[in-house]
Amino acid sequence: MTSFHRRPQFEAPIYKLPTARAAERENDQMPTENLSELLGRVSNNSTGQIDNLVGDFQQLREKLRTDGERIQREVEEYNTLSEMVMQMTKTISESVEKVRASADRPTPVPE
């Protein structure tokens, strides 16, 4: 059985730094325009990724807020329902006691 490995896909292109020989120019220095361009591309890429992360975090914060509000409402509804069930149970219990009390009383025999 053969398995194929796919190369991971990246959202942004990966930039290669210039090699030492390509960068060698007069006085063994990299030209400032190349360095400036490279730094600009890396900076823009990083800034874009950070902006995406900030947007994702804002969406997550909003989802947590709305989920928290929904859970709070559901807990309050459950509490209300639980109180209603307790009240109904009490009413039923009292009614059963009245029925038992009347059933335990001897019924007068007609003469």
PDB file of N, CA and C in Angstrom:
ATOM      1  N   MET A   1       0.850  -1.183   0.000  1.00  0.00           N
ATOM      2  CA  MET A   1       0.000   0.000   0.000  1.00  0.00           C
ATOM      3  C   MET A   1       0.885   1.231   0.000  1.00  0.00           C
ATOM      4  N   THR A   2       0.629   2.122  -0.901  1.00  0.00           N
ATOM      5  CA  THR A   2       1.450   3.332  -1.023  1.00  0.00           C
ATOM      6  C   THR A   2       0.681   4.528  -0.495  1.00  0.00           C
ATOM      7  N   SER A   3       1.374   5.351   0.203  1.00  0.00           N
ATOM      8  CA  SER A   3       0.721   6.571   0.668  1.00  0.00           C
ATOM      9  C   SER A   3       1.412   7.760   0.039  1.00  0.00           C
ATOM     10  N   PHE A   4       0.626   8.720  -0.345  1.00  0.00           N
ATOM     11  CA  PHE A   4       1.158   9.917  -0.969  1.00  0.00           C
ATOM     12  C   PHE A   4       1.144  11.046   0.040  1.00  0.00           C
ATOM     13  N   HIS A   5       2.219  11.741   0.107  1.00  0.00           N
ATOM     14  CA  HIS A   5       2.311  12.878   1.012  1.00  0.00           C
ATOM     15  C   HIS A   5       2.214  14.147   0.190  1.00  0.00           C
ATOM     16  N   ARG A   6       1.283  14.971   0.579  1.00  0.00           N
ATOM     17  CA  ARG A   6       1.142  16.240  -0.115  1.00  0.00           C
ATOM     18  C   ARG A   6       1.877  17.315   0.663  1.00  0.00           C
ATOM     19  N   ARG A   7       2.446  18.214  -0.068  1.00  0.00           N
ATOM     20  CA  ARG A   7       3.126  19.333   0.555  1.00  0.00           C
ATOM     21  C   ARG A   7       2.072  20.251   1.166  1.00  0.00           C
ATOM     22  N   PRO A   8       2.270  20.717   2.403  1.00  0.00           N
ATOM     23  CA  PRO A   8       1.270  21.592   3.028  1.00  0.00           C
ATOM     24  C   PRO A   8       1.087  22.873   2.228  1.00  0.00           C
ATOM     25  N   GLN A   9      -0.146  23.339   2.188  1.00  0.00           N
ATOM     26  CA  GLN A   9      -0.469  24.575   1.478  1.00  0.00           C
ATOM     27  C   GLN A   9      -0.397  25.736   2.460  1.00  0.00           C
ATOM     28  N   PHE A  10       0.244  26.790   2.066  1.00  0.00           N
ATOM     29  CA  PHE A  10       0.349  27.971   2.907  1.00  0.00           C
ATOM     30  C   PHE A  10      -0.496  29.072   2.312  1.00  0.00           C
ATOM     31  N   GLU A  11      -1.055  29.894   3.187  1.00  0.00           N
ATOM     32  CA  GLU A  11      -1.908  30.981   2.724  1.00  0.00           C
ATOM     33  C   GLU A  11      -1.111  32.047   1.990  1.00  0.00           C
ATOM     34  N   ALA A  12       0.067  32.329   2.465  1.00  0.00           N
ATOM     35  CA  ALA A  12       0.866  33.385   1.873  1.00  0.00           C
ATOM     36  C   ALA A  12       2.125  32.773   1.261  1.00  0.00           C
ATOM     37  N   PRO A  13       2.669  33.416   0.241  1.00  0.00           N
ATOM     38  CA  PRO A  13       3.876  32.875  -0.369  1.00  0.00           C
ATOM     39  C   PRO A  13       5.059  32.944   0.602  1.00  0.00           C
ATOM     40  N   ILE A  14       5.963  32.004   0.458  1.00  0.00           N
ATOM     41  CA  ILE A  14       7.166  31.995   1.284  1.00  0.00           C
ATOM     42  C   ILE A  14       8.255  32.709   0.491  1.00  0.00           C
ATOM     43  N   TYR A  15       8.832  33.699   1.100  1.00  0.00           N
ATOM     44  CA  TYR A  15       9.860  34.473   0.425  1.00  0.00           C
ATOM     45  C   TYR A  15      11.228  33.911   0.745  1.00  0.00           C
ATOM     46  N   LYS A  16      12.054  33.809  -0.280  1.00  0.00           N
ATOM     47  CA  LYS A  16      13.413  33.332  -0.071  1.00  0.00           C
ATOM     48  C   LYS A  16      14.329  34.537   0.065  1.00  0.00           C
ATOM     49  N   LEU A  17      15.201  34.454   1.032  1.00  0.00           N
ATOM     50  CA  LEU A  17      16.169  35.526   1.211  1.00  0.00           C
ATOM     51  C   LEU A  17      17.223  35.406   0.119  1.00  0.00           C
ATOM     52  N   PRO A  18      17.752  36.512  -0.330  1.00  0.00           N
ATOM     53  CA  PRO A  18      18.783  36.438  -1.360  1.00  0.00           C
ATOM     54  C   PRO A  18      20.018  35.719  -0.812  1.00  0.00           C
ATOM     55  N   THR A  19      20.656  34.961  -1.668  1.00  0.00           N
ATOM     56  CA  THR A  19      21.865  34.263  -1.247  1.00  0.00           C
ATOM     57  C   THR A  19      22.982  35.265  -1.033  1.00  0.00           C
ATOM     58  N   ALA A  20      23.999  34.816  -0.378  1.00  0.00           N
ATOM     59  CA  ALA A  20      25.119  35.704  -0.059  1.00  0.00           C
ATOM     60  C   ALA A  20      25.787  36.223  -1.331  1.00  0.00           C
ATOM     61  N   ARG A  21      25.930  35.326  -2.341  1.00  0.00           N
ATOM     62  CA  ARG A  21      26.595  35.762  -3.583  1.00  0.00           C
ATOM     63  C   ARG A  21      25.738  36.746  -4.356  1.00  0.00           C
ATOM     64  N   ALA A  22      24.441  36.511  -4.364  1.00  0.00           N
ATOM     65  CA  ALA A  22      23.567  37.431  -5.088  1.00  0.00           C
ATOM     66  C   ALA A  22      23.552  38.784  -4.402  1.00  0.00           C
ATOM     67  N   ALA A  23      23.763  38.775  -3.119  1.00  0.00           N
ATOM     68  CA  ALA A  23      23.719  40.022  -2.367  1.00  0.00           C
ATOM     69  C   ALA A  23      25.033  40.775  -2.404  1.00  0.00           C
ATOM     70  N   GLU A  24      26.094  40.087  -2.801  1.00  0.00           N
ATOM     71  CA  GLU A  24      27.385  40.760  -2.807  1.00  0.00           C
ATOM     72  C   GLU A  24      27.439  41.774  -3.948  1.00  0.00           C
ATOM     73  N   ARG A  25      27.748  42.943  -3.624  1.00  0.00           N
ATOM     74  CA  ARG A  25      27.918  44.019  -4.605  1.00  0.00           C
ATOM     75  C   ARG A  25      29.135  44.812  -4.189  1.00  0.00           C
ATOM     76  N   GLU A  26      29.082  46.057  -4.523  1.00  0.00           N
ATOM     77  CA  GLU A  26      30.204  46.914  -4.161  1.00  0.00           C
ATOM     78  C   GLU A  26      30.398  46.929  -2.653  1.00  0.00           C
ATOM     79  N   ASN A  27      31.579  46.799  -2.228  1.00  0.00           N
ATOM     80  CA  ASN A  27      31.971  46.866  -0.824  1.00  0.00           C
ATOM     81  C   ASN A  27      31.262  45.799   0.026  1.00  0.00           C
ATOM     82  N   ASP A  28      30.949  44.651  -0.573  1.00  0.00           N
ATOM     83  CA  ASP A  28      30.322  43.546   0.151  1.00  0.00           C
ATOM     84  C   ASP A  28      29.046  43.948   0.893  1.00  0.00           C
ATOM     85  N   GLN A  29      28.239  44.807   0.321  1.00  0.00           N
ATOM     86  CA  GLN A  29      26.994  45.227   0.970  1.00  0.00           C
ATOM     87  C   GLN A  29      25.808  44.905   0.075  1.00  0.00           C
ATOM     88  N   MET A  30      24.710  44.570   0.689  1.00  0.00           N
ATOM     89  CA  MET A  30      23.470  44.310  -0.044  1.00  0.00           C
ATOM     90  C   MET A  30      22.873  45.656  -0.416  1.00  0.00           C
ATOM     91  N   PRO A  31      22.403  45.782  -1.628  1.00  0.00           N
ATOM     92  CA  PRO A  31      21.811  47.069  -2.023  1.00  0.00           C
ATOM     93  C   PRO A  31      20.605  47.383  -1.149  1.00  0.00           C
ATOM     94  N   THR A  32      20.499  48.623  -0.758  1.00  0.00           N
ATOM     95  CA  THR A  32      19.412  49.028   0.132  1.00  0.00           C
ATOM     96  C   THR A  32      18.053  48.880  -0.510  1.00  0.00           C
ATOM     97  N   GLU A  33      17.933  49.077  -1.799  1.00  0.00           N
ATOM     98  CA  GLU A  33      16.619  48.944  -2.418  1.00  0.00           C
ATOM     99  C   GLU A  33      16.140  47.497  -2.359  1.00  0.00           C
ATOM    100  N   ASN A  34      17.034  46.521  -2.526  1.00  0.00           N
ATOM    101  CA  ASN A  34      16.639  45.113  -2.417  1.00  0.00           C
ATOM    102  C   ASN A  34      16.237  44.779  -0.987  1.00  0.00           C
ATOM    103  N   LEU A  35      17.009  45.238  -0.034  1.00  0.00           N
ATOM    104  CA  LEU A  35      16.714  44.990   1.369  1.00  0.00           C
ATOM    105  C   LEU A  35      15.407  45.665   1.752  1.00  0.00           C
ATOM    106  N   SER A  36      15.215  46.887   1.290  1.00  0.00           N
ATOM    107  CA  SER A  36      14.004  47.626   1.586  1.00  0.00           C
ATOM    108  C   SER A  36      12.784  46.916   0.996  1.00  0.00           C
ATOM    109  N   GLU A  37      12.920  46.428  -0.235  1.00  0.00           N
ATOM    110  CA  GLU A  37      11.821  45.714  -0.888  1.00  0.00           C
ATOM    111  C   GLU A  37      11.505  44.419  -0.146  1.00  0.00           C
ATOM    112  N   LEU A  38      12.541  43.685   0.247  1.00  0.00           N
ATOM    113  CA  LEU A  38      12.357  42.443   0.969  1.00  0.00           C
ATOM    114  C   LEU A  38      11.674  42.701   2.314  1.00  0.00           C
ATOM    115  N   LEU A  39      12.146  43.687   3.039  1.00  0.00           N
ATOM    116  CA  LEU A  39      11.540  44.018   4.319  1.00  0.00           C
ATOM    117  C   LEU A  39      10.095  44.471   4.151  1.00  0.00           C
ATOM    118  N   GLY A  40       9.815  45.206   3.098  1.00  0.00           N
ATOM    119  CA  GLY A  40       8.444  45.645   2.817  1.00  0.00           C
ATOM    120  C   GLY A  40       7.518  44.468   2.565  1.00  0.00           C
ATOM    121  N   ARG A  41       7.986  43.493   1.784  1.00  0.00           N
ATOM    122  CA  ARG A  41       7.152  42.315   1.502  1.00  0.00           C
ATOM    123  C   ARG A  41       6.903  41.496   2.768  1.00  0.00           C
ATOM    124  N   VAL A  42       7.967  41.286   3.531  1.00  0.00           N
ATOM    125  CA  VAL A  42       7.835  40.519   4.769  1.00  0.00           C
ATOM    126  C   VAL A  42       6.919  41.255   5.739  1.00  0.00           C
ATOM    127  N   SER A  43       7.080  42.563   5.831  1.00  0.00           N
ATOM    128  CA  SER A  43       6.259  43.374   6.733  1.00  0.00           C
ATOM    129  C   SER A  43       4.793  43.323   6.316  1.00  0.00           C
ATOM    130  N   ASN A  44       4.517  43.475   5.030  1.00  0.00           N
ATOM    131  CA  ASN A  44       3.128  43.422   4.548  1.00  0.00           C
ATOM    132  C   ASN A  44       2.508  42.058   4.804  1.00  0.00           C
ATOM    133  N   ASN A  45       3.270  41.008   4.570  1.00  0.00           N
ATOM    134  CA  ASN A  45       2.779  39.658   4.805  1.00  0.00           C
ATOM    135  C   ASN A  45       2.457  39.460   6.286  1.00  0.00           C
ATOM    136  N   SER A  46       3.370  39.867   7.151  1.00  0.00           N
ATOM    137  CA  SER A  46       3.158  39.712   8.593  1.00  0.00           C
ATOM    138  C   SER A  46       1.980  40.546   9.061  1.00  0.00           C
ATOM    139  N   THR A  47       1.881  41.758   8.576  1.00  0.00           N
ATOM    140  CA  THR A  47       0.778  42.640   8.963  1.00  0.00           C
ATOM    141  C   THR A  47      -0.560  42.039   8.532  1.00  0.00           C
ATOM    142  N   GLY A  48      -0.604  41.488   7.337  1.00  0.00           N
ATOM    143  CA  GLY A  48      -1.831  40.855   6.850  1.00  0.00           C
ATOM    144  C   GLY A  48      -2.233  39.669   7.708  1.00  0.00           C
ATOM    145  N   GLN A  49      -1.255  38.863   8.084  1.00  0.00           N
ATOM    146  CA  GLN A  49      -1.552  37.706   8.928  1.00  0.00           C
ATOM    147  C   GLN A  49      -2.034  38.143  10.303  1.00  0.00           C
ATOM    148  N   ILE A  50      -1.413  39.163  10.863  1.00  0.00           N
ATOM    149  CA  ILE A  50      -1.835  39.682  12.168  1.00  0.00           C
ATOM    150  C   ILE A  50      -3.249  40.240  12.077  1.00  0.00           C
ATOM    151  N   ASP A  51      -3.543  40.981  11.010  1.00  0.00           N
ATOM    152  CA  ASP A  51      -4.902  41.511  10.824  1.00  0.00           C
ATOM    153  C   ASP A  51      -5.928  40.383  10.739  1.00  0.00           C
ATOM    154  N   ASN A  52      -5.569  39.304  10.029  1.00  0.00           N
ATOM    155  CA  ASN A  52      -6.477  38.148   9.936  1.00  0.00           C
ATOM    156  C   ASN A  52      -6.718  37.528  11.309  1.00  0.00           C
ATOM    157  N   LEU A  53      -5.652  37.399  12.096  1.00  0.00           N
ATOM    158  CA  LEU A  53      -5.792  36.829  13.434  1.00  0.00           C
ATOM    159  C   LEU A  53      -6.665  37.717  14.322  1.00  0.00           C
ATOM    160  N   VAL A  54      -6.468  39.014  14.235  1.00  0.00           N
ATOM    161  CA  VAL A  54      -7.276  39.949  15.031  1.00  0.00           C
ATOM    162  C   VAL A  54      -8.748  39.804  14.651  1.00  0.00           C
ATOM    163  N   GLY A  55      -9.023  39.700  13.358  1.00  0.00           N
ATOM    164  CA  GLY A  55     -10.399  39.509  12.898  1.00  0.00           C
ATOM    165  C   GLY A  55     -10.986  38.208  13.418  1.00  0.00           C
ATOM    166  N   ASP A  56     -10.180  37.137  13.376  1.00  0.00           N
ATOM    167  CA  ASP A  56     -10.646  35.843  13.895  1.00  0.00           C
ATOM    168  C   ASP A  56     -10.948  35.929  15.384  1.00  0.00           C
ATOM    169  N   PHE A  57     -10.074  36.597  16.142  1.00  0.00           N
ATOM    170  CA  PHE A  57     -10.295  36.741  17.579  1.00  0.00           C
ATOM    171  C   PHE A  57     -11.544  37.572  17.872  1.00  0.00           C
ATOM    172  N   GLN A  58     -11.802  38.586  17.070  1.00  0.00           N
ATOM    173  CA  GLN A  58     -13.012  39.391  17.268  1.00  0.00           C
ATOM    174  C   GLN A  58     -14.256  38.552  17.017  1.00  0.00           C
ATOM    175  N   GLN A  59     -14.218  37.705  15.991  1.00  0.00           N
ATOM    176  CA  GLN A  59     -15.351  36.820  15.716  1.00  0.00           C
ATOM    177  C   GLN A  59     -15.554  35.836  16.856  1.00  0.00           C
ATOM    178  N   LEU A  60     -14.461  35.287  17.375  1.00  0.00           N
ATOM    179  CA  LEU A  60     -14.566  34.351  18.499  1.00  0.00           C
ATOM    180  C   LEU A  60     -15.117  35.043  19.739  1.00  0.00           C
ATOM    181  N   ARG A  61     -14.670  36.273  19.992  1.00  0.00           N
ATOM    182  CA  ARG A  61     -15.172  37.027  21.141  1.00  0.00           C
ATOM    183  C   ARG A  61     -16.685  37.239  21.018  1.00  0.00           C
ATOM    184  N   GLU A  62     -17.141  37.597  19.827  1.00  0.00           N
ATOM    185  CA  GLU A  62     -18.574  37.814  19.605  1.00  0.00           C
ATOM    186  C   GLU A  62     -19.353  36.515  19.792  1.00  0.00           C
ATOM    187  N   LYS A  63     -18.809  35.399  19.294  1.00  0.00           N
ATOM    188  CA  LYS A  63     -19.476  34.108  19.460  1.00  0.00           C
ATOM    189  C   LYS A  63     -19.550  33.739  20.941  1.00  0.00           C
ATOM    190  N   LEU A  64     -18.468  33.942  21.677  1.00  0.00           N
ATOM    191  CA  LEU A  64     -18.486  33.656  23.112  1.00  0.00           C
ATOM    192  C   LEU A  64     -19.524  34.521  23.831  1.00  0.00           C
ATOM    193  N   ARG A  65     -19.615  35.785  23.438  1.00  0.00           N
ATOM    194  CA  ARG A  65     -20.581  36.692  24.063  1.00  0.00           C
ATOM    195  C   ARG A  65     -22.003  36.211  23.804  1.00  0.00           C
ATOM    196  N   THR A  66     -22.316  35.909  22.546  1.00  0.00           N
ATOM    197  CA  THR A  66     -23.682  35.478  22.217  1.00  0.00           C
ATOM    198  C   THR A  66     -23.992  34.115  22.836  1.00  0.00           C
ATOM    199  N   ASP A  67     -23.013  33.207  22.843  1.00  0.00           N
ATOM    200  CA  ASP A  67     -23.236  31.907  23.485  1.00  0.00           C
ATOM    201  C   ASP A  67     -23.462  32.071  24.983  1.00  0.00           C
ATOM    202  N   GLY A  68     -22.707  32.965  25.606  1.00  0.00           N
ATOM    203  CA  GLY A  68     -22.887  33.235  27.034  1.00  0.00           C
ATOM    204  C   GLY A  68     -24.277  33.772  27.331  1.00  0.00           C
ATOM    205  N   GLU A  69     -24.758  34.692  26.493  1.00  0.00           N
ATOM    206  CA  GLU A  69     -26.107  35.248  26.685  1.00  0.00           C
ATOM    207  C   GLU A  69     -27.164  34.160  26.501  1.00  0.00           C
ATOM    208  N   ARG A  70     -26.979  33.301  25.492  1.00  0.00           N
ATOM    209  CA  ARG A  70     -27.935  32.215  25.244  1.00  0.00           C
ATOM    210  C   ARG A  70     -27.959  31.254  26.424  1.00  0.00           C
ATOM    211  N   ILE A  71     -26.799  30.885  26.925  1.00  0.00           N
ATOM    212  CA  ILE A  71     -26.732  29.962  28.059  1.00  0.00           C
ATOM    213  C   ILE A  71     -27.390  30.575  29.287  1.00  0.00           C
ATOM    214  N   GLN A  72     -27.161  31.872  29.505  1.00  0.00           N
ATOM    215  CA  GLN A  72     -27.786  32.558  30.644  1.00  0.00           C
ATOM    216  C   GLN A  72     -29.310  32.508  30.533  1.00  0.00           C
ATOM    217  N   ARG A  73     -29.841  32.772  29.324  1.00  0.00           N
ATOM    218  CA  ARG A  73     -31.299  32.698  29.120  1.00  0.00           C
ATOM    219  C   ARG A  73     -31.814  31.287  29.387  1.00  0.00           C
ATOM    220  N   GLU A  74     -31.099  30.282  28.891  1.00  0.00           N
ATOM    221  CA  GLU A  74     -31.542  28.901  29.078  1.00  0.00           C
ATOM    222  C   GLU A  74     -31.523  28.501  30.543  1.00  0.00           C
ATOM    223  N   VAL A  75     -30.525  28.959  31.291  1.00  0.00           N
ATOM    224  CA  VAL A  75     -30.472  28.666  32.729  1.00  0.00           C
ATOM    225  C   VAL A  75     -31.658  29.318  33.436  1.00  0.00           C
ATOM    226  N   GLU A  76     -31.979  30.564  33.068  1.00  0.00           N
ATOM    227  CA  GLU A  76     -33.120  31.248  33.678  1.00  0.00           C
ATOM    228  C   GLU A  76     -34.428  30.538  33.334  1.00  0.00           C
ATOM    229  N   GLU A  77     -34.564  30.081  32.081  1.00  0.00           N
ATOM    230  CA  GLU A  77     -35.765  29.344  31.687  1.00  0.00           C
ATOM    231  C   GLU A  77     -35.866  28.030  32.453  1.00  0.00           C
ATOM    232  N   TYR A  78     -34.750  27.339  32.614  1.00  0.00           N
ATOM    233  CA  TYR A  78     -34.743  26.085  33.366  1.00  0.00           C
ATOM    234  C   TYR A  78     -35.139  26.337  34.818  1.00  0.00           C
ATOM    235  N   ASN A  79     -34.618  27.404  35.399  1.00  0.00           N
ATOM    236  CA  ASN A  79     -34.943  27.750  36.781  1.00  0.00           C
ATOM    237  C   ASN A  79     -36.447  28.011  36.926  1.00  0.00           C
ATOM    238  N   THR A  80     -37.008  28.761  36.000  1.00  0.00           N
ATOM    239  CA  THR A  80     -38.445  29.052  36.029  1.00  0.00           C
ATOM    240  C   THR A  80     -39.256  27.760  35.885  1.00  0.00           C
ATOM    241  N   LEU A  81     -38.868  26.938  34.943  1.00  0.00           N
ATOM    242  CA  LEU A  81     -39.565  25.669  34.724  1.00  0.00           C
ATOM    243  C   LEU A  81     -39.458  24.777  35.967  1.00  0.00           C
ATOM    244  N   SER A  82     -38.289  24.729  36.565  1.00  0.00           N
ATOM    245  CA  SER A  82     -38.090  23.926  37.769  1.00  0.00           C
ATOM    246  C   SER A  82     -38.984  24.402  38.910  1.00  0.00           C
ATOM    247  N   GLU A  83     -39.108  25.711  39.077  1.00  0.00           N
ATOM    248  CA  GLU A  83     -39.988  26.251  40.115  1.00  0.00           C
ATOM    249  C   GLU A  83     -41.446  25.894  39.842  1.00  0.00           C
ATOM    250  N   MET A  84     -41.843  25.944  38.568  1.00  0.00           N
ATOM    251  CA  MET A  84     -43.217  25.584  38.218  1.00  0.00           C
ATOM    252  C   MET A  84     -43.482  24.110  38.517  1.00  0.00           C
ATOM    253  N   VAL A  85     -42.527  23.253  38.215  1.00  0.00           N
ATOM    254  CA  VAL A  85     -42.686  21.817  38.478  1.00  0.00           C
ATOM    255  C   VAL A  85     -42.802  21.578  39.980  1.00  0.00           C
ATOM    256  N   MET A  86     -41.980  22.257  40.764  1.00  0.00           N
ATOM    257  CA  MET A  86     -42.053  22.105  42.225  1.00  0.00           C
ATOM    258  C   MET A  86     -43.421  22.539  42.747  1.00  0.00           C
ATOM    259  N   GLN A  87     -43.953  23.648  42.233  1.00  0.00           N
ATOM    260  CA  GLN A  87     -45.270  24.130  42.661  1.00  0.00           C
ATOM    261  C   GLN A  87     -46.363  23.136  42.269  1.00  0.00           C
ATOM    262  N   MET A  88     -46.277  22.595  41.054  1.00  0.00           N
ATOM    263  CA  MET A  88     -47.278  21.625  40.609  1.00  0.00           C
ATOM    264  C   MET A  88     -47.185  20.344  41.429  1.00  0.00           C
ATOM    265  N   THR A  89     -45.969  19.922  41.756  1.00  0.00           N
ATOM    266  CA  THR A  89     -45.793  18.728  42.584  1.00  0.00           C
ATOM    267  C   THR A  89     -46.414  18.932  43.961  1.00  0.00           C
ATOM    268  N   LYS A  90     -46.216  20.114  44.517  1.00  0.00           N
ATOM    269  CA  LYS A  90     -46.804  20.430  45.823  1.00  0.00           C
ATOM    270  C   LYS A  90     -48.328  20.394  45.745  1.00  0.00           C
ATOM    271  N   THR A  91     -48.894  20.994  44.697  1.00  0.00           N
ATOM    272  CA  THR A  91     -50.348  21.014  44.527  1.00  0.00           C
ATOM    273  C   THR A  91     -50.904  19.599  44.385  1.00  0.00           C
ATOM    274  N   ILE A  92     -50.234  18.766  43.588  1.00  0.00           N
ATOM    275  CA  ILE A  92     -50.681  17.374  43.395  1.00  0.00           C
ATOM    276  C   ILE A  92     -50.591  16.612  44.707  1.00  0.00           C
ATOM    277  N   SER A  93     -49.498  16.803  45.425  1.00  0.00           N
ATOM    278  CA  SER A  93     -49.321  16.121  46.705  1.00  0.00           C
ATOM    279  C   SER A  93     -50.423  16.507  47.694  1.00  0.00           C
ATOM    280  N   GLU A  94     -50.750  17.782  47.750  1.00  0.00           N
ATOM    281  CA  GLU A  94     -51.823  18.243  48.642  1.00  0.00           C
ATOM    282  C   GLU A  94     -53.154  17.645  48.222  1.00  0.00           C
ATOM    283  N   SER A  95     -53.402  17.559  46.917  1.00  0.00           N
ATOM    284  CA  SER A  95     -54.662  16.974  46.427  1.00  0.00           C
ATOM    285  C   SER A  95     -54.746  15.490  46.771  1.00  0.00           C
ATOM    286  N   VAL A  96     -53.651  14.779  46.639  1.00  0.00           N
ATOM    287  CA  VAL A  96     -53.633  13.355  46.964  1.00  0.00           C
ATOM    288  C   VAL A  96     -53.901  13.164  48.453  1.00  0.00           C
ATOM    289  N   GLU A  97     -53.335  14.011  49.287  1.00  0.00           N
ATOM    290  CA  GLU A  97     -53.569  13.930  50.732  1.00  0.00           C
ATOM    291  C   GLU A  97     -55.048  14.144  51.051  1.00  0.00           C
ATOM    292  N   LYS A  98     -55.681  15.098  50.374  1.00  0.00           N
ATOM    293  CA  LYS A  98     -57.111  15.339  50.605  1.00  0.00           C
ATOM    294  C   LYS A  98     -57.931  14.132  50.189  1.00  0.00           C
ATOM    295  N   VAL A  99     -57.565  13.511  49.067  1.00  0.00           N
ATOM    296  CA  VAL A  99     -58.298  12.329  48.598  1.00  0.00           C
ATOM    297  C   VAL A  99     -58.119  11.195  49.591  1.00  0.00           C
ATOM    298  N   ARG A 100     -56.917  10.988  50.085  1.00  0.00           N
ATOM    299  CA  ARG A 100     -56.658   9.931  51.062  1.00  0.00           C
ATOM    300  C   ARG A 100     -57.441  10.181  52.348  1.00  0.00           C
ATOM    301  N   ALA A 101     -57.450  11.435  52.803  1.00  0.00           N
ATOM    302  CA  ALA A 101     -58.164  11.764  54.043  1.00  0.00           C
ATOM    303  C   ALA A 101     -59.655  11.488  53.890  1.00  0.00           C
ATOM    304  N   SER A 102     -60.205  11.827  52.744  1.00  0.00           N
ATOM    305  CA  SER A 102     -61.631  11.579  52.555  1.00  0.00           C
ATOM    306  C   SER A 102     -61.907  10.097  52.356  1.00  0.00           C
ATOM    307  N   ALA A 103     -60.971   9.358  51.811  1.00  0.00           N
ATOM    308  CA  ALA A 103     -61.155   7.917  51.609  1.00  0.00           C
ATOM    309  C   ALA A 103     -61.017   7.174  52.932  1.00  0.00           C
ATOM    310  N   ASP A 104     -60.211   7.691  53.839  1.00  0.00           N
ATOM    311  CA  ASP A 104     -60.009   7.041  55.142  1.00  0.00           C
ATOM    312  C   ASP A 104     -61.186   7.267  56.093  1.00  0.00           C
ATOM    313  N   ARG A 105     -61.974   8.279  55.871  1.00  0.00           N
ATOM    314  CA  ARG A 105     -63.132   8.543  56.733  1.00  0.00           C
ATOM    315  C   ARG A 105     -64.189   7.492  56.459  1.00  0.00           C
ATOM    316  N   PRO A 106     -64.761   7.005  57.528  1.00  0.00           N
ATOM    317  CA  PRO A 106     -65.840   6.042  57.280  1.00  0.00           C
ATOM    318  C   PRO A 106     -67.043   6.725  56.674  1.00  0.00           C
ATOM    319  N   THR A 107     -67.579   6.104  55.725  1.00  0.00           N
ATOM    320  CA  THR A 107     -68.767   6.674  55.087  1.00  0.00           C
ATOM    321  C   THR A 107     -69.982   6.305  55.915  1.00  0.00           C
ATOM    322  N   PRO A 108     -70.846   7.249  56.164  1.00  0.00           N
ATOM    323  CA  PRO A 108     -72.043   6.938  56.948  1.00  0.00           C
ATOM    324  C   PRO A 108     -72.918   5.928  56.189  1.00  0.00           C
ATOM    325  N   VAL A 109     -73.389   4.987  56.929  1.00  0.00           N
ATOM    326  CA  VAL A 109     -74.264   3.971  56.361  1.00  0.00           C
ATOM    327  C   VAL A 109     -75.682   4.496  56.419  1.00  0.00           C
ATOM    328  N   PRO A 110     -76.409   4.495  55.337  1.00  0.00           N
ATOM    329  CA  PRO A 110     -77.771   4.999  55.376  1.00  0.00           C
ATOM    330  C   PRO A 110     -78.665   4.067  56.184  1.00  0.00           C
ATOM    331  N   GLU A 111     -79.492   4.597  56.993  1.00  0.00           N
ATOM    332  CA  GLU A 111     -80.371   3.803  57.870  1.00  0.00           C
ATOM    333  C   GLU A 111     -81.694   3.531  57.266  1.00  0.00           C
TER     334      GLU A 111
END
